[in-house]
Amino acid sequence: MLMLLATAFLGGLTYGLNFGMGYIIKAMRLFLALFLSLSLSLAKDFCIKEVENPYAEVYLSYAFRKGLERAVLESGNRFRCGDGAQEIKPYIELLKETPIAFTPQQRVSAYNLELRVGLTVGEVKRVFSTSVPYSQPTGSVGDLPRRGAIQDAFGIIYIDMLEFMKELEEKR
């Protein structure tokens, strides 16, 4: 909506008053500076601590942190560890892989990955969980299907994390 108003305003400058391109660019820069300063002044500071991961899966911590950073930024907040910043403590409760399909040679070819993670922000604690199937067709693909399943799981959990971050914003 705000962008539409800016476009209409700048369009009026171009057609109605016949200003040169230099004035339009200066007006756009001024508008952008005002918009950015207003949005940054309304943002809340969050400090994300290290992910507590009891499992030997490093990619799990990486994917969780990246999803959480994205949720914080998309909810209109910013990262800053300092005075007045609220700490987010992410932790992984459960990573469980259950075999769900076998080959004729009695080898596991598909798994169900169950993931449960949590966030503690001040006194508020929230747990997010999901379950994602994935297949391991051959050993030659390594752990790529597993990483893909972890990424898919965090894609599902991301929506709930984003809603949680927006709820925190409303409570402040």
Protein backbone atom coordinates (compact mmCIF):
# COMPACT_ATOMS: atom_id res chain seq x y z
CA MET A 1 0.00 0.00 0.00
CA LEU A 2 2.80 2.36 0.96
CA MET A 3 4.69 1.52 -2.22
CA LEU A 4 1.56 2.23 -4.27
CA LEU A 5 1.23 5.68 -2.70
CA ALA A 6 4.89 6.42 -3.35
CA THR A 7 4.54 5.36 -6.96
CA ALA A 8 1.46 7.55 -7.42
CA PHE A 9 3.23 10.50 -5.79
CA LEU A 10 6.35 10.12 -7.90
CA GLY A 11 4.25 9.53 -11.02
CA GLY A 12 2.44 12.81 -10.33
CA LEU A 13 5.78 14.54 -10.08
CA THR A 14 6.84 13.14 -13.42
CA TYR A 15 3.73 13.86 -15.44
CA GLY A 16 2.01 16.76 -13.71
CA LEU A 17 4.92 19.02 -12.82
CA ASN A 18 7.42 17.94 -15.46
CA PHE A 19 10.40 17.67 -13.09
CA GLY A 20 13.64 16.21 -14.33
CA MET A 21 14.89 12.73 -13.46
CA GLY A 22 17.27 14.12 -10.82
CA TYR A 23 14.43 15.45 -8.68
CA ILE A 24 12.55 12.18 -8.93
CA ILE A 25 15.58 10.18 -7.82
CA LYS A 26 16.17 12.56 -4.91
CA ALA A 27 12.51 12.24 -3.86
CA MET A 28 12.72 8.45 -4.08
CA ARG A 29 15.88 8.39 -1.94
CA LEU A 30 14.26 10.63 0.66
CA PHE A 31 11.15 8.45 0.75
CA LEU A 32 13.26 5.27 1.05
CA ALA A 33 15.34 6.77 3.87
CA LEU A 34 12.22 7.80 5.78
CA PHE A 35 10.62 4.39 5.26
CA LEU A 36 13.71 2.48 6.41
CA SER A 37 14.27 4.67 9.47
CA LEU A 38 10.64 4.26 10.50
CA SER A 39 10.70 0.48 10.05
CA LEU A 40 13.99 0.10 11.97
CA SER A 41 12.77 2.26 14.83
CA LEU A 42 9.74 -0.02 15.30
CA ALA A 43 11.77 -3.25 15.18
CA LYS A 44 12.53 -5.18 18.36
CA ASP A 45 15.97 -6.58 19.15
CA PHE A 46 16.48 -10.32 19.52
CA CYS A 47 19.63 -12.21 20.41
CA ILE A 48 19.72 -15.83 19.23
CA LYS A 49 21.81 -18.09 21.44
CA GLU A 50 23.55 -21.26 20.30
CA VAL A 51 21.26 -24.18 19.42
CA GLU A 52 21.24 -26.85 22.13
CA ASN A 53 21.64 -30.02 20.09
CA PRO A 54 22.16 -33.34 21.91
CA TYR A 55 22.50 -35.19 18.59
CA ALA A 56 25.60 -35.60 16.44
CA GLU A 57 23.81 -34.05 13.46
CA VAL A 58 25.47 -30.68 12.73
CA TYR A 59 23.17 -29.92 9.79
CA LEU A 60 20.21 -30.02 12.17
CA SER A 61 21.58 -27.06 14.17
CA TYR A 62 22.42 -25.20 10.97
CA ALA A 63 18.96 -25.62 9.45
CA PHE A 64 17.25 -24.68 12.74
CA ARG A 65 19.30 -21.52 13.14
CA LYS A 66 18.74 -20.41 9.54
CA GLY A 67 14.98 -20.97 9.81
CA LEU A 68 14.84 -19.08 13.09
CA GLU A 69 16.85 -16.15 11.71
CA ARG A 70 14.48 -15.96 8.75
CA ALA A 71 11.43 -16.01 11.05
CA VAL A 72 12.85 -13.20 13.23
CA LEU A 73 13.61 -11.00 10.24
CA GLU A 74 10.34 -11.70 8.46
CA SER A 75 8.37 -10.85 11.60
CA GLY A 76 9.84 -7.34 11.40
CA ASN A 77 12.49 -7.65 14.09
CA ARG A 78 16.28 -7.48 14.02
CA PHE A 79 19.33 -9.19 15.52
CA ARG A 80 21.24 -7.38 18.18
CA CYS A 81 22.83 -8.90 21.25
CA GLY A 82 23.08 -6.11 23.76
CA ASP A 83 21.16 -4.15 26.32
CA GLY A 84 17.43 -4.49 25.91
CA ALA A 85 17.64 -7.40 23.48
CA GLN A 86 15.45 -10.38 24.24
CA GLU A 87 17.24 -13.74 24.18
CA ILE A 88 15.96 -16.63 22.09
CA LYS A 89 17.22 -20.01 23.27
CA PRO A 90 16.62 -22.68 20.60
CA TYR A 91 16.85 -26.35 21.53
CA ILE A 92 16.24 -29.69 19.88
CA GLU A 93 14.10 -32.10 21.87
CA LEU A 94 13.80 -35.05 19.52
CA LEU A 95 15.24 -36.38 16.29
CA LYS A 96 13.89 -39.83 15.57
CA GLU A 97 14.12 -41.89 12.40
CA THR A 98 11.75 -44.82 12.07
CA PRO A 99 12.14 -47.34 9.22
CA ILE A 100 8.94 -47.55 7.16
CA ALA A 101 9.95 -49.53 4.03
CA PHE A 102 12.33 -52.36 3.27
CA THR A 103 13.89 -53.71 0.06
CA PRO A 104 13.59 -57.39 -0.89
CA GLN A 105 17.12 -57.79 0.55
CA GLN A 106 15.75 -56.65 3.95
CA ARG A 107 17.51 -53.28 3.87
CA VAL A 108 15.75 -50.13 4.95
CA SER A 109 14.84 -47.96 1.96
CA ALA A 110 12.56 -45.33 3.54
CA TYR A 111 12.35 -43.60 6.88
CA ASN A 112 9.97 -41.37 8.76
CA LEU A 113 11.89 -38.48 10.34
CA GLU A 114 10.22 -37.09 13.47
CA LEU A 115 11.52 -33.75 14.67
CA ARG A 116 10.60 -31.76 17.77
CA VAL A 117 12.31 -28.44 18.50
CA GLY A 118 11.63 -25.65 20.96
CA LEU A 119 12.21 -21.99 21.62
CA THR A 120 12.49 -20.21 24.94
CA VAL A 121 12.00 -16.45 24.81
CA GLY A 122 12.08 -14.93 28.28
CA GLU A 123 9.46 -16.84 30.26
CA VAL A 124 7.62 -18.10 27.17
CA LYS A 125 8.41 -21.60 25.96
CA ARG A 126 7.03 -23.10 22.74
CA VAL A 127 7.59 -26.51 21.14
CA PHE A 128 7.17 -27.23 17.43
CA SER A 129 7.03 -30.71 15.92
CA THR A 130 6.55 -32.42 12.59
CA SER A 131 7.11 -35.72 10.83
CA VAL A 132 8.50 -36.11 7.30
CA PRO A 133 9.05 -39.27 5.23
CA TYR A 134 12.12 -39.70 3.06
CA SER A 135 13.67 -42.50 1.03
CA GLN A 136 17.22 -43.74 0.86
CA PRO A 137 17.25 -45.51 -2.54
CA THR A 138 20.96 -46.41 -2.51
CA GLY A 139 23.94 -45.85 -0.31
CA SER A 140 25.64 -43.82 -3.04
CA VAL A 141 23.60 -40.69 -2.29
CA GLY A 142 25.03 -40.42 1.23
CA ASP A 143 23.02 -38.36 3.69
CA LEU A 144 21.51 -36.00 1.08
CA PRO A 145 17.97 -37.45 1.42
CA ARG A 146 18.23 -37.09 5.19
CA ARG A 147 19.34 -33.48 4.93
CA GLY A 148 16.52 -32.86 2.48
CA ALA A 149 14.06 -34.30 5.00
CA ILE A 150 15.49 -32.07 7.76
CA GLN A 151 15.10 -29.06 5.45
CA ASP A 152 11.51 -30.08 4.63
CA ALA A 153 10.72 -30.48 8.33
CA PHE A 154 12.00 -27.00 9.11
CA GLY A 155 10.02 -25.67 6.16
CA ILE A 156 6.88 -26.95 7.88
CA ILE A 157 7.94 -25.75 11.34
CA TYR A 158 8.94 -22.34 9.95
CA ILE A 159 5.32 -21.23 9.57
CA ASP A 160 4.62 -21.93 13.24
CA MET A 161 7.85 -20.22 14.32
CA LEU A 162 6.89 -17.13 12.30
CA GLU A 163 3.45 -17.02 13.95
CA PHE A 164 5.11 -17.39 17.36
CA MET A 165 7.47 -14.49 16.67
CA LYS A 166 4.53 -12.33 15.58
CA GLU A 167 2.63 -13.29 18.76
CA LEU A 168 5.63 -12.17 20.81
CA GLU A 169 5.53 -8.86 18.98
CA GLU A 170 1.87 -8.38 19.86
CA LYS A 171 2.47 -9.17 23.55
CA ARG A 172 5.16 -6.49 23.91
